[in-house]
PDB file of N, CA and C in Angstrom:
ATOM      1  N   UNK A   1      55.621 153.928 128.605  1.00  0.00           N
ATOM      2  CA  UNK A   1      54.655 154.378 127.427  1.00  0.00           C
ATOM      3  C   UNK A   1      54.244 155.822 127.536  1.00  0.00           C
ATOM      4  N   UNK A   2      53.752 156.247 128.839  1.00  0.00           N
ATOM      5  CA  UNK A   2      53.349 157.535 129.022  1.00  0.00           C
ATOM      6  C   UNK A   2      54.154 158.646 128.448  1.00  0.00           C
ATOM      7  N   UNK A   3      55.517 158.528 128.462  1.00  0.00           N
ATOM      8  CA  UNK A   3      56.480 159.597 127.770  1.00  0.00           C
ATOM      9  C   UNK A   3      56.487 159.763 126.490  1.00  0.00           C
ATOM     10  N   UNK A   4      55.837 158.579 125.778  1.00  0.00           N
ATOM     11  CA  UNK A   4      55.959 158.590 124.208  1.00  0.00           C
ATOM     12  C   UNK A   4      54.637 159.744 124.020  1.00  0.00           C
ATOM     13  N   UNK A   5      53.714 160.042 124.716  1.00  0.00           N
ATOM     14  CA  UNK A   5      52.800 160.872 124.222  1.00  0.00           C
ATOM     15  C   UNK A   5      53.090 162.292 124.697  1.00  0.00           C
ATOM     16  N   UNK A   6      54.114 162.609 125.150  1.00  0.00           N
ATOM     17  CA  UNK A   6      54.199 163.995 125.626  1.00  0.00           C
ATOM     18  C   UNK A   6      54.568 164.990 124.175  1.00  0.00           C
ATOM     19  N   UNK A   7      54.293 166.045 124.481  1.00  0.00           N
ATOM     20  CA  UNK A   7      54.586 167.163 123.401  1.00  0.00           C
ATOM     21  C   UNK A   7      56.006 167.920 123.569  1.00  0.00           C
ATOM     22  N   UNK A   8      56.188 168.665 122.612  1.00  0.00           N
ATOM     23  CA  UNK A   8      57.458 169.400 122.636  1.00  0.00           C
ATOM     24  C   UNK A   8      57.790 170.222 124.115  1.00  0.00           C
ATOM     25  N   UNK A   9      56.744 170.922 124.352  1.00  0.00           N
ATOM     26  CA  UNK A   9      56.725 171.660 125.555  1.00  0.00           C
ATOM     27  C   UNK A   9      57.057 170.861 126.788  1.00  0.00           C
ATOM     28  N   UNK A  10      56.374 169.752 126.972  1.00  0.00           N
ATOM     29  CA  UNK A  10      56.686 168.658 128.006  1.00  0.00           C
ATOM     30  C   UNK A  10      58.124 168.087 128.060  1.00  0.00           C
ATOM     31  N   UNK A  11      58.674 167.925 126.793  1.00  0.00           N
ATOM     32  CA  UNK A  11      60.074 167.390 126.675  1.00  0.00           C
ATOM     33  C   UNK A  11      60.897 168.570 126.921  1.00  0.00           C
ATOM     34  N   UNK A  12      60.598 169.734 126.759  1.00  0.00           N
ATOM     35  CA  UNK A  12      61.535 170.857 127.075  1.00  0.00           C
ATOM     36  C   UNK A  12      61.509 170.859 128.647  1.00  0.00           C
ATOM     37  N   UNK A  13      60.450 170.825 129.327  1.00  0.00           N
ATOM     38  CA  UNK A  13      60.407 170.798 130.879  1.00  0.00           C
ATOM     39  C   UNK A  13      61.305 169.757 131.435  1.00  0.00           C
ATOM     40  N   UNK A  14      60.905 168.605 130.846  1.00  0.00           N
ATOM     41  CA  UNK A  14      61.830 167.340 131.160  1.00  0.00           C
ATOM     42  C   UNK A  14      63.411 167.649 131.377  1.00  0.00           C
ATOM     43  N   UNK A  15      63.607 168.118 130.033  1.00  0.00           N
ATOM     44  CA  UNK A  15      65.129 168.471 129.688  1.00  0.00           C
ATOM     45  C   UNK A  15      65.772 169.563 130.585  1.00  0.00           C
ATOM     46  N   UNK A  16      64.911 170.697 130.704  1.00  0.00           N
ATOM     47  CA  UNK A  16      65.048 171.740 131.742  1.00  0.00           C
ATOM     48  C   UNK A  16      65.580 171.130 133.256  1.00  0.00           C
ATOM     49  N   UNK A  17      64.448 170.390 133.635  1.00  0.00           N
ATOM     50  CA  UNK A  17      64.575 169.893 135.260  1.00  0.00           C
ATOM     51  C   UNK A  17      65.856 168.981 135.191  1.00  0.00           C
ATOM     52  N   UNK A  18      66.208 168.209 134.154  1.00  0.00           N
ATOM     53  CA  UNK A  18      67.463 167.459 134.194  1.00  0.00           C
ATOM     54  C   UNK A  18      68.569 168.165 134.114  1.00  0.00           C
ATOM     55  N   UNK A  19      68.832 169.332 133.303  1.00  0.00           N
ATOM     56  CA  UNK A  19      69.841 170.406 133.316  1.00  0.00           C
ATOM     57  C   UNK A  19      70.070 171.023 134.616  1.00  0.00           C
ATOM     58  N   UNK A  20      68.932 171.196 135.373  1.00  0.00           N
ATOM     59  CA  UNK A  20      69.375 171.778 136.823  1.00  0.00           C
ATOM     60  C   UNK A  20      70.174 170.924 137.773  1.00  0.00           C
ATOM     61  N   UNK A  21      69.922 169.537 137.489  1.00  0.00           N
ATOM     62  CA  UNK A  21      70.662 168.333 138.299  1.00  0.00           C
ATOM     63  C   UNK A  21      72.227 168.248 137.895  1.00  0.00           C
ATOM     64  N   UNK A  22      72.577 168.906 136.680  1.00  0.00           N
ATOM     65  CA  UNK A  22      73.951 168.778 136.248  1.00  0.00           C
ATOM     66  C   UNK A  22      74.675 169.784 136.895  1.00  0.00           C
ATOM     67  N   UNK A  23      75.538 169.674 137.683  1.00  0.00           N
ATOM     68  CA  UNK A  23      76.081 170.542 138.581  1.00  0.00           C
ATOM     69  C   UNK A  23      77.784 170.315 138.530  1.00  0.00           C
ATOM     70  N   UNK A  24      78.102 169.165 138.472  1.00  0.00           N
ATOM     71  CA  UNK A  24      79.485 168.671 138.266  1.00  0.00           C
ATOM     72  C   UNK A  24      80.015 169.215 137.217  1.00  0.00           C
ATOM     73  N   UNK A  25      81.473 169.729 137.351  1.00  0.00           N
ATOM     74  CA  UNK A  25      82.198 170.151 136.244  1.00  0.00           C
ATOM     75  C   UNK A  25      82.090 169.163 135.083  1.00  0.00           C
ATOM     76  N   UNK A  26      82.381 167.696 135.529  1.00  0.00           N
ATOM     77  CA  UNK A  26      82.360 166.599 134.361  1.00  0.00           C
ATOM     78  C   UNK A  26      80.982 166.840 133.646  1.00  0.00           C
ATOM     79  N   UNK A  27      80.014 167.198 134.068  1.00  0.00           N
ATOM     80  CA  UNK A  27      78.707 167.145 133.535  1.00  0.00           C
ATOM     81  C   UNK A  27      78.335 168.296 132.546  1.00  0.00           C
ATOM     82  N   UNK A  28      78.991 169.318 132.581  1.00  0.00           N
ATOM     83  CA  UNK A  28      78.832 170.481 131.997  1.00  0.00           C
ATOM     84  C   UNK A  28      78.709 170.306 130.443  1.00  0.00           C
ATOM     85  N   UNK A  29      79.695 169.359 129.926  1.00  0.00           N
ATOM     86  CA  UNK A  29      79.308 169.044 128.523  1.00  0.00           C
ATOM     87  C   UNK A  29      78.314 168.509 128.129  1.00  0.00           C
ATOM     88  N   UNK A  30      77.554 167.729 128.899  1.00  0.00           N
ATOM     89  CA  UNK A  30      76.552 167.141 128.717  1.00  0.00           C
ATOM     90  C   UNK A  30      75.294 168.155 128.852  1.00  0.00           C
ATOM     91  N   UNK A  31      75.279 169.114 129.745  1.00  0.00           N
ATOM     92  CA  UNK A  31      74.449 170.128 130.022  1.00  0.00           C
ATOM     93  C   UNK A  31      74.518 171.016 128.773  1.00  0.00           C
ATOM     94  N   UNK A  32      75.589 171.473 128.403  1.00  0.00           N
ATOM     95  CA  UNK A  32      75.630 172.255 127.110  1.00  0.00           C
ATOM     96  C   UNK A  32      75.087 171.467 125.970  1.00  0.00           C
ATOM     97  N   UNK A  33      75.264 170.269 125.796  1.00  0.00           N
ATOM     98  CA  UNK A  33      74.507 169.539 124.623  1.00  0.00           C
ATOM     99  C   UNK A  33      73.120 169.451 124.792  1.00  0.00           C
ATOM    100  N   UNK A  34      72.568 169.137 125.823  1.00  0.00           N
ATOM    101  CA  UNK A  34      71.141 169.103 126.305  1.00  0.00           C
ATOM    102  C   UNK A  34      70.560 170.693 125.756  1.00  0.00           C
ATOM    103  N   UNK A  35      71.246 171.517 126.295  1.00  0.00           N
ATOM    104  CA  UNK A  35      70.708 173.034 126.153  1.00  0.00           C
ATOM    105  C   UNK A  35      70.730 173.424 124.400  1.00  0.00           C
ATOM    106  N   UNK A  36      71.503 172.706 123.738  1.00  0.00           N
ATOM    107  CA  UNK A  36      71.658 173.040 122.351  1.00  0.00           C
ATOM    108  C   UNK A  36      70.597 172.155 121.776  1.00  0.00           C
ATOM    109  N   UNK A  37      70.169 170.847 122.267  1.00  0.00           N
ATOM    110  CA  UNK A  37      68.869 170.189 121.879  1.00  0.00           C
ATOM    111  C   UNK A  37      67.713 171.039 122.095  1.00  0.00           C
ATOM    112  N   UNK A  38      67.640 171.632 123.423  1.00  0.00           N
ATOM    113  CA  UNK A  38      66.538 172.406 123.572  1.00  0.00           C
ATOM    114  C   UNK A  38      66.455 173.566 122.749  1.00  0.00           C
ATOM    115  N   UNK A  39      67.430 174.347 122.214  1.00  0.00           N
ATOM    116  CA  UNK A  39      67.346 175.498 121.367  1.00  0.00           C
ATOM    117  C   UNK A  39      66.736 175.011 120.023  1.00  0.00           C
ATOM    118  N   UNK A  40      67.123 173.697 119.701  1.00  0.00           N
ATOM    119  CA  UNK A  40      66.576 173.174 118.559  1.00  0.00           C
ATOM    120  C   UNK A  40      64.868 172.914 118.571  1.00  0.00           C
ATOM    121  N   UNK A  41      64.816 172.508 119.812  1.00  0.00           N
ATOM    122  CA  UNK A  41      63.131 172.018 119.971  1.00  0.00           C
ATOM    123  C   UNK A  41      62.465 173.509 119.812  1.00  0.00           C
ATOM    124  N   UNK A  42      63.137 174.493 120.324  1.00  0.00           N
ATOM    125  CA  UNK A  42      62.454 175.732 120.472  1.00  0.00           C
ATOM    126  C   UNK A  42      62.468 176.586 118.860  1.00  0.00           C
ATOM    127  N   UNK A  43      63.191 176.105 118.163  1.00  0.00           N
ATOM    128  CA  UNK A  43      63.360 176.868 116.763  1.00  0.00           C
ATOM    129  C   UNK A  43      62.122 176.781 115.951  1.00  0.00           C
ATOM    130  N   UNK A  44      62.002 177.768 115.408  1.00  0.00           N
ATOM    131  CA  UNK A  44      60.766 177.726 114.357  1.00  0.00           C
ATOM    132  C   UNK A  44      60.875 176.558 113.229  1.00  0.00           C
ATOM    133  N   UNK A  45      62.011 176.636 112.896  1.00  0.00           N
ATOM    134  CA  UNK A  45      62.312 175.554 111.898  1.00  0.00           C
ATOM    135  C   UNK A  45      61.766 174.053 112.321  1.00  0.00           C
ATOM    136  N   UNK A  46      62.364 173.775 113.721  1.00  0.00           N
ATOM    137  CA  UNK A  46      61.827 172.470 113.972  1.00  0.00           C
ATOM    138  C   UNK A  46      60.379 172.346 114.210  1.00  0.00           C
ATOM    139  N   UNK A  47      60.011 173.452 114.641  1.00  0.00           N
ATOM    140  CA  UNK A  47      58.425 173.371 114.780  1.00  0.00           C
ATOM    141  C   UNK A  47      57.599 173.310 113.664  1.00  0.00           C
ATOM    142  N   UNK A  48      58.355 174.024 112.591  1.00  0.00           N
ATOM    143  CA  UNK A  48      57.373 173.882 111.136  1.00  0.00           C
ATOM    144  C   UNK A  48      57.533 172.383 110.736  1.00  0.00           C
ATOM    145  N   UNK A  49      58.944 171.762 110.900  1.00  0.00           N
ATOM    146  CA  UNK A  49      58.954 170.383 110.450  1.00  0.00           C
ATOM    147  C   UNK A  49      58.169 169.371 111.073  1.00  0.00           C
ATOM    148  N   UNK A  50      58.184 169.655 112.393  1.00  0.00           N
ATOM    149  CA  UNK A  50      57.233 168.801 113.241  1.00  0.00           C
ATOM    150  C   UNK A  50      55.772 168.806 112.917  1.00  0.00           C
ATOM    151  N   UNK A  51      55.449 170.000 112.741  1.00  0.00           N
ATOM    152  CA  UNK A  51      54.097 170.458 112.163  1.00  0.00           C
ATOM    153  C   UNK A  51      53.639 169.654 110.938  1.00  0.00           C
ATOM    154  N   UNK A  52      54.816 169.742 109.905  1.00  0.00           N
ATOM    155  CA  UNK A  52      54.462 169.164 108.579  1.00  0.00           C
ATOM    156  C   UNK A  52      54.508 167.614 108.756  1.00  0.00           C
ATOM    157  N   UNK A  53      55.367 167.073 109.664  1.00  0.00           N
ATOM    158  CA  UNK A  53      55.314 165.663 109.730  1.00  0.00           C
ATOM    159  C   UNK A  53      54.082 165.208 110.259  1.00  0.00           C
ATOM    160  N   UNK A  54      53.448 166.012 111.103  1.00  0.00           N
ATOM    161  CA  UNK A  54      52.092 165.292 111.917  1.00  0.00           C
ATOM    162  C   UNK A  54      51.063 165.625 110.579  1.00  0.00           C
ATOM    163  N   UNK A  55      50.876 166.620 110.074  1.00  0.00           N
ATOM    164  CA  UNK A  55      50.034 166.711 108.923  1.00  0.00           C
ATOM    165  C   UNK A  55      50.202 165.731 108.042  1.00  0.00           C
ATOM    166  N   UNK A  56      51.390 165.272 107.530  1.00  0.00           N
ATOM    167  CA  UNK A  56      51.618 164.283 106.541  1.00  0.00           C
ATOM    168  C   UNK A  56      51.192 162.838 107.225  1.00  0.00           C
ATOM    169  N   UNK A  57      51.349 162.750 108.318  1.00  0.00           N
ATOM    170  CA  UNK A  57      51.119 161.276 108.999  1.00  0.00           C
ATOM    171  C   UNK A  57      49.735 161.200 109.103  1.00  0.00           C
ATOM    172  N   UNK A  58      49.015 162.295 109.410  1.00  0.00           N
ATOM    173  CA  UNK A  58      47.416 162.313 109.598  1.00  0.00           C
ATOM    174  C   UNK A  58      46.564 162.141 108.008  1.00  0.00           C
ATOM    175  N   UNK A  59      47.333 162.727 107.106  1.00  0.00           N
ATOM    176  CA  UNK A  59      46.693 162.572 105.897  1.00  0.00           C
ATOM    177  C   UNK A  59      47.101 161.186 105.456  1.00  0.00           C
ATOM    178  N   UNK A  60      48.081 160.694 105.424  1.00  0.00           N
ATOM    179  CA  UNK A  60      48.264 159.184 105.095  1.00  0.00           C
ATOM    180  C   UNK A  60      47.521 158.175 106.006  1.00  0.00           C
ATOM    181  N   UNK A  61      46.853 158.607 107.163  1.00  0.00           N
ATOM    182  CA  UNK A  61      46.368 157.615 107.935  1.00  0.00           C
ATOM    183  C   UNK A  61      47.311 156.818 108.737  1.00  0.00           C
ATOM    184  N   UNK A  62      48.310 157.512 109.055  1.00  0.00           N
ATOM    185  CA  UNK A  62      49.629 156.729 109.855  1.00  0.00           C
ATOM    186  C   UNK A  62      49.798 157.447 111.027  1.00  0.00           C
ATOM    187  N   UNK A  63      49.072 158.121 111.703  1.00  0.00           N
ATOM    188  CA  UNK A  63      49.321 159.133 112.776  1.00  0.00           C
ATOM    189  C   UNK A  63      50.001 158.142 113.899  1.00  0.00           C
ATOM    190  N   UNK A  64      51.001 158.715 114.220  1.00  0.00           N
ATOM    191  CA  UNK A  64      51.803 158.016 115.221  1.00  0.00           C
ATOM    192  C   UNK A  64      51.738 158.712 116.775  1.00  0.00           C
ATOM    193  N   UNK A  65      51.426 158.181 117.902  1.00  0.00           N
ATOM    194  CA  UNK A  65      51.365 158.759 118.981  1.00  0.00           C
ATOM    195  C   UNK A  65      52.729 159.090 119.680  1.00  0.00           C
ATOM    196  N   UNK A  66      53.822 158.545 119.060  1.00  0.00           N
ATOM    197  CA  UNK A  66      54.925 158.850 119.408  1.00  0.00           C
ATOM    198  C   UNK A  66      55.367 160.272 119.326  1.00  0.00           C
ATOM    199  N   UNK A  67      55.907 161.203 120.221  1.00  0.00           N
ATOM    200  CA  UNK A  67      56.241 162.397 119.986  1.00  0.00           C
ATOM    201  C   UNK A  67      57.735 162.367 119.872  1.00  0.00           C
ATOM    202  N   UNK A  68      58.313 162.731 118.822  1.00  0.00           N
ATOM    203  CA  UNK A  68      59.670 162.695 118.344  1.00  0.00           C
ATOM    204  C   UNK A  68      60.450 163.579 119.596  1.00  0.00           C
ATOM    205  N   UNK A  69      60.163 164.723 120.096  1.00  0.00           N
ATOM    206  CA  UNK A  69      60.790 165.651 121.143  1.00  0.00           C
ATOM    207  C   UNK A  69      60.903 164.758 122.477  1.00  0.00           C
ATOM    208  N   UNK A  70      59.578 164.268 122.646  1.00  0.00           N
ATOM    209  CA  UNK A  70      59.603 163.428 124.055  1.00  0.00           C
ATOM    210  C   UNK A  70      60.512 162.218 123.924  1.00  0.00           C
ATOM    211  N   UNK A  71      60.449 161.269 122.707  1.00  0.00           N
ATOM    212  CA  UNK A  71      61.101 160.071 122.755  1.00  0.00           C
ATOM    213  C   UNK A  71      62.731 160.652 122.840  1.00  0.00           C
ATOM    214  N   UNK A  72      63.127 161.468 122.238  1.00  0.00           N
ATOM    215  CA  UNK A  72      64.616 161.838 122.536  1.00  0.00           C
ATOM    216  C   UNK A  72      64.673 162.401 123.985  1.00  0.00           C
ATOM    217  N   UNK A  73      63.911 163.081 124.576  1.00  0.00           N
ATOM    218  CA  UNK A  73      63.943 163.590 126.060  1.00  0.00           C
ATOM    219  C   UNK A  73      64.142 162.106 126.777  1.00  0.00           C
ATOM    220  N   UNK A  74      63.209 161.222 126.646  1.00  0.00           N
ATOM    221  CA  UNK A  74      63.251 159.967 127.204  1.00  0.00           C
ATOM    222  C   UNK A  74      64.660 159.161 127.179  1.00  0.00           C
ATOM    223  N   UNK A  75      65.270 159.415 125.925  1.00  0.00           N
ATOM    224  CA  UNK A  75      66.405 158.648 125.863  1.00  0.00           C
ATOM    225  C   UNK A  75      67.647 159.516 126.458  1.00  0.00           C
ATOM    226  N   UNK A  76      67.347 160.661 126.859  1.00  0.00           N
ATOM    227  CA  UNK A  76      68.391 161.535 127.355  1.00  0.00           C
ATOM    228  C   UNK A  76      68.425 161.445 128.852  1.00  0.00           C
ATOM    229  N   UNK A  77      67.131 161.250 129.402  1.00  0.00           N
ATOM    230  CA  UNK A  77      66.887 160.968 130.702  1.00  0.00           C
ATOM    231  C   UNK A  77      66.861 159.468 131.128  1.00  0.00           C
ATOM    232  N   UNK A  78      66.842 158.615 130.262  1.00  0.00           N
ATOM    233  CA  UNK A  78      67.073 157.394 130.676  1.00  0.00           C
ATOM    234  C   UNK A  78      65.638 156.580 131.222  1.00  0.00           C
ATOM    235  N   UNK A  79      64.587 157.308 130.520  1.00  0.00           N
ATOM    236  CA  UNK A  79      63.347 156.659 130.751  1.00  0.00           C
ATOM    237  C   UNK A  79      62.912 155.514 129.838  1.00  0.00           C
ATOM    238  N   UNK A  80      62.208 154.527 130.234  1.00  0.00           N
ATOM    239  CA  UNK A  80      62.021 153.652 129.271  1.00  0.00           C
ATOM    240  C   UNK A  80      60.892 153.952 128.513  1.00  0.00           C
ATOM    241  N   UNK A  81      61.022 153.587 127.102  1.00  0.00           N
ATOM    242  CA  UNK A  81      60.013 154.032 126.091  1.00  0.00           C
ATOM    243  C   UNK A  81      58.796 152.931 126.168  1.00  0.00           C
ATOM    244  N   UNK A  82      58.890 151.890 126.581  1.00  0.00           N
ATOM    245  CA  UNK A  82      57.996 150.804 126.576  1.00  0.00           C
ATOM    246  C   UNK A  82      57.141 150.903 127.689  1.00  0.00           C
TER     247      UNK A  82
END
């Protein structure tokens, strides 16, 4: 459950740490895909959409503690969400 409360920056740190462990030739495609996801997380468009989502959820009283980037990082890293 701890990982669900992480923000985008923490998700990026986790993904970067994981990428450093991917050294085998057969892991390079995965590493490239993770780096692509990291680029999306860092993009101004993603940050704007995430900010808009949080504002909308807060306005409607449906604030979720789940961080979308962190949930994705958990999936990639194989961490449990519950």
